[in-house]
Each structure stands twice: as structure tokens, then as C-alpha cells.
Amino acid sequence: MTSIHPGQRVAVLADAQNLYHSAQSLHSRNIDYSKLLSKAVQNRELTRAIAYVIRADSPEEESFFEALADIGFETKIKDIKTFQDGSKKADWDVGMSLDAVTLADHVDTVVLCTGDGDFSRLVSHLRHEGVRVEVMAFESSTAEELRDVADTFIDLGDRIETFLL
């Protein structure tokens, strides 16, 4: 796969739910999305940055969504679903995958900001299509198969003072 170079077109897809839960469970802190985006782009040409978020009706979430937009992320919002048994579910796996496949013809690199192993098949597909795939997440909460299949893995845990608020 290609290495990093200044003219490279990059799409950044951030699984906000996955990043939030990892940062909270490991460090009791929140992600600095501005620094995350800056590191993901690394002086390349940003084609698109999308943050996939869940609306759970918490008081501070609208200001969080606005902050993401101010940083440069397009936000895709999904409402949390509550089932009759009281269980809740909301994830963006299919939406992120579809966006990544759609963007593959328009970028050289896709940066996935997630540790979810469900994306390992997507990464294999993108690489087969000639797209460089970088993964940014916390190593200790990232599926080994996702780390193994990516061209590059950046451990946010190696630089918590940079990537966490």
C-alpha cells in the first residue's frame, strides 16, 4: 500500500460511541476530536471527516454535536433504540461501512477511528480495492484482527495527553 504523502486524499470516519466508551473506561476522560482529526489528516488533503454519533437525550450532547461540526466533522446522528425488554441499541457499523465503501473511489486513505473488530472485513475489502486504511483507537480496547489487517495502527493510549481532554 502507499505511504503517507502530502497530496494524499483522506477520509476520516470516527465511531464516536466506541471512542467515548473506550476513553471513559480506560482513562475516565473524553476524546479531543480536534487533535484526533489533525493527527488523522497529517498534512494530507482532507476529503471528508464524518463523526457517527448517537442521540441519547443527554443534556450536553447537542453542544458536543455542534463542537464536532466546528472542528470540521460532518455529524451523522442516530437515535438510540429502546426495545420492549428495556435493552437499548444504537450503532453505526453498517452506515460507516457503506460510507467507507462509497468514499473509496474518491480517496487514497480511509482513517477509521474505532476499535470495533466488526470493521476488519471492511478494512480487508478497502485494501483489496487499493485504499490505504489507518486505524486510530486505544490498543487495549481494539480487536486484534482490526489492528492486524490495517496498514497502520495508531494507539491513542500512547499519547493520552494529546488525544484526551
Protein backbone atom coordinates (compact mmCIF):
# COMPACT_ATOMS: atom_id res chain seq x y z
CA MET A 1 0.00 0.00 0.00
CA THR A 2 1.02 3.59 -0.45
CA SER A 3 2.79 5.52 2.25
CA ILE A 4 1.78 8.93 3.57
CA HIS A 5 2.40 11.89 1.24
CA PRO A 6 1.10 15.49 1.12
CA GLY A 7 -1.23 15.11 -1.90
CA GLN A 8 -2.96 12.08 -0.46
CA ARG A 9 -6.75 12.39 -0.22
CA VAL A 10 -8.04 11.26 3.19
CA ALA A 11 -11.44 10.45 4.65
CA VAL A 12 -11.73 10.23 8.43
CA LEU A 13 -14.59 8.17 9.88
CA ALA A 14 -14.95 8.40 13.66
CA ASP A 15 -17.09 5.97 15.65
CA ALA A 16 -17.84 8.40 18.49
CA GLN A 17 -19.63 5.83 20.63
CA ASN A 18 -16.72 3.39 20.51
CA LEU A 19 -14.15 6.12 21.21
CA TYR A 20 -16.22 7.58 24.06
CA HIS A 21 -16.67 4.27 25.87
CA SER A 22 -13.00 3.33 25.46
CA ALA A 23 -11.74 6.72 26.69
CA GLN A 24 -14.14 6.65 29.65
CA SER A 25 -13.48 3.06 30.72
CA LEU A 26 -9.70 3.29 30.33
CA HIS A 27 -8.98 6.89 31.42
CA SER A 28 -12.26 8.49 32.65
CA ARG A 29 -11.71 11.26 30.09
CA ASN A 30 -13.08 12.42 26.76
CA ILE A 31 -11.55 12.45 23.29
CA ASP A 32 -10.01 15.66 21.90
CA TYR A 33 -11.58 15.47 18.45
CA SER A 34 -9.62 18.43 17.14
CA LYS A 35 -6.30 16.68 17.82
CA LEU A 36 -7.71 13.37 16.61
CA LEU A 37 -8.64 14.93 13.27
CA SER A 38 -5.32 16.74 12.96
CA LYS A 39 -3.34 13.52 13.54
CA ALA A 40 -5.59 11.54 11.19
CA VAL A 41 -5.06 14.02 8.36
CA GLN A 42 -1.30 14.57 8.98
CA ASN A 43 -0.91 17.43 6.47
CA ARG A 44 -2.70 15.50 3.74
CA GLU A 45 -5.78 16.62 1.81
CA LEU A 46 -8.93 16.08 3.87
CA THR A 47 -11.73 14.96 1.59
CA ARG A 48 -14.32 14.24 4.27
CA ALA A 49 -14.50 13.86 8.05
CA ILE A 50 -17.58 12.17 9.49
CA ALA A 51 -18.36 11.56 13.16
CA TYR A 52 -21.03 8.94 13.79
CA VAL A 53 -22.90 9.82 16.97
CA ILE A 54 -25.83 8.55 18.98
CA ARG A 55 -28.57 10.80 20.33
CA ALA A 56 -29.45 9.54 23.80
CA ASP A 57 -31.16 12.71 25.08
CA SER A 58 -28.39 13.67 27.45
CA PRO A 59 -28.17 17.40 28.24
CA GLU A 60 -24.72 18.09 26.81
CA GLU A 61 -24.97 16.11 23.57
CA GLU A 62 -26.23 18.93 21.32
CA SER A 63 -23.27 21.12 22.29
CA PHE A 64 -20.99 18.12 21.59
CA PHE A 65 -22.54 17.70 18.13
CA GLU A 66 -22.02 21.42 17.46
CA ALA A 67 -18.41 21.23 18.66
CA LEU A 68 -17.74 18.36 16.25
CA ALA A 69 -19.12 20.46 13.39
CA ASP A 70 -16.96 23.44 14.43
CA ILE A 71 -13.86 21.19 14.37
CA GLY A 72 -14.67 20.09 10.82
CA PHE A 73 -16.63 16.87 11.25
CA GLU A 74 -19.89 16.23 9.46
CA THR A 75 -22.08 14.58 12.09
CA LYS A 76 -24.35 11.68 11.32
CA ILE A 77 -26.80 11.21 14.16
CA LYS A 78 -28.79 8.11 15.03
CA ASP A 79 -31.36 7.95 17.81
CA ILE A 80 -30.87 5.24 20.42
CA LYS A 81 -33.49 2.48 20.19
CA THR A 82 -35.11 1.11 23.32
CA PHE A 83 -36.71 -2.31 23.00
CA GLN A 84 -39.70 -3.70 24.91
CA ASP A 85 -37.43 -5.64 27.26
CA GLY A 86 -35.70 -2.36 28.20
CA SER A 87 -32.49 -3.10 26.31
CA LYS A 88 -31.00 -0.34 24.20
CA LYS A 89 -29.12 -0.45 20.93
CA ALA A 90 -27.53 2.03 18.59
CA ASP A 91 -24.55 1.51 16.39
CA TRP A 92 -23.26 2.83 13.12
CA ASP A 93 -21.40 -0.24 11.79
CA VAL A 94 -23.43 -0.58 8.59
CA GLY A 95 -23.58 3.19 7.98
CA MET A 96 -19.85 3.63 8.48
CA SER A 97 -19.11 0.67 6.23
CA LEU A 98 -21.36 1.94 3.46
CA ASP A 99 -19.80 5.40 3.65
CA ALA A 100 -16.28 3.93 3.56
CA VAL A 101 -17.06 1.82 0.50
CA THR A 102 -18.72 4.80 -1.22
CA LEU A 103 -15.77 7.09 -0.44
CA ALA A 104 -13.17 4.52 -1.54
CA ASP A 105 -13.28 5.71 -5.17
CA HIS A 106 -12.64 9.31 -4.09
CA VAL A 107 -9.80 8.92 -1.57
CA ASP A 108 -6.38 7.32 -1.23
CA THR A 109 -6.70 6.66 2.51
CA VAL A 110 -9.53 5.95 4.94
CA VAL A 111 -8.79 6.56 8.61
CA LEU A 112 -11.14 4.57 10.84
CA CYS A 113 -11.30 5.88 14.39
CA THR A 114 -12.69 2.83 16.15
CA GLY A 115 -11.53 -0.32 17.88
CA ASP A 116 -14.54 -2.38 16.79
CA GLY A 117 -13.44 -5.70 15.29
CA ASP A 118 -16.57 -5.79 13.14
CA PHE A 119 -14.71 -3.43 10.79
CA SER A 120 -11.89 -5.88 10.00
CA ARG A 121 -13.76 -7.27 6.98
CA LEU A 122 -14.35 -3.70 5.73
CA VAL A 123 -10.63 -2.93 6.08
CA SER A 124 -9.74 -6.05 4.07
CA HIS A 125 -12.18 -5.01 1.34
CA LEU A 126 -10.87 -1.43 1.16
CA ARG A 127 -7.26 -2.61 0.98
CA HIS A 128 -8.20 -5.04 -1.79
CA GLU A 129 -9.64 -2.05 -3.65
CA GLY A 130 -6.29 -0.24 -3.32
CA VAL A 131 -7.24 2.09 -0.48
CA ARG A 132 -4.79 2.59 2.38
CA VAL A 133 -6.52 2.04 5.74
CA GLU A 134 -5.31 3.50 9.01
CA VAL A 135 -6.95 2.73 12.34
CA MET A 136 -6.81 5.07 15.34
CA ALA A 137 -8.06 3.72 18.68
CA PHE A 138 -6.92 2.54 22.10
CA GLU A 139 -4.88 -0.64 21.62
CA SER A 140 -6.12 -2.24 24.82
CA SER A 141 -9.74 -1.98 23.63
CA THR A 142 -9.15 -2.63 19.93
CA ALA A 143 -9.83 -6.00 18.36
CA GLU A 144 -6.61 -7.74 17.38
CA GLU A 145 -7.99 -8.66 13.96
CA LEU A 146 -8.64 -4.97 13.22
CA ARG A 147 -5.11 -3.95 14.20
CA ASP A 148 -3.64 -6.79 12.15
CA VAL A 149 -5.46 -6.03 8.90
CA ALA A 150 -4.91 -2.23 8.86
CA ASP A 151 -1.97 -0.66 7.03
CA THR A 152 -1.22 1.42 10.13
CA PHE A 153 -2.49 1.36 13.70
CA ILE A 154 -2.15 4.45 15.88
CA ASP A 155 -2.63 3.75 19.59
CA LEU A 156 -4.36 6.73 21.18
CA GLY A 157 -3.25 5.34 24.54
CA ASP A 158 0.39 6.03 23.67
CA ARG A 159 -0.33 9.78 23.74
CA ILE A 160 -3.21 10.31 26.14
CA GLU A 161 -2.13 13.89 26.89
CA THR A 162 -2.52 14.65 23.17
CA PHE A 163 -5.73 12.80 22.40
CA LEU A 164 -7.72 13.17 25.64
CA LEU A 165 -9.28 16.24 27.27
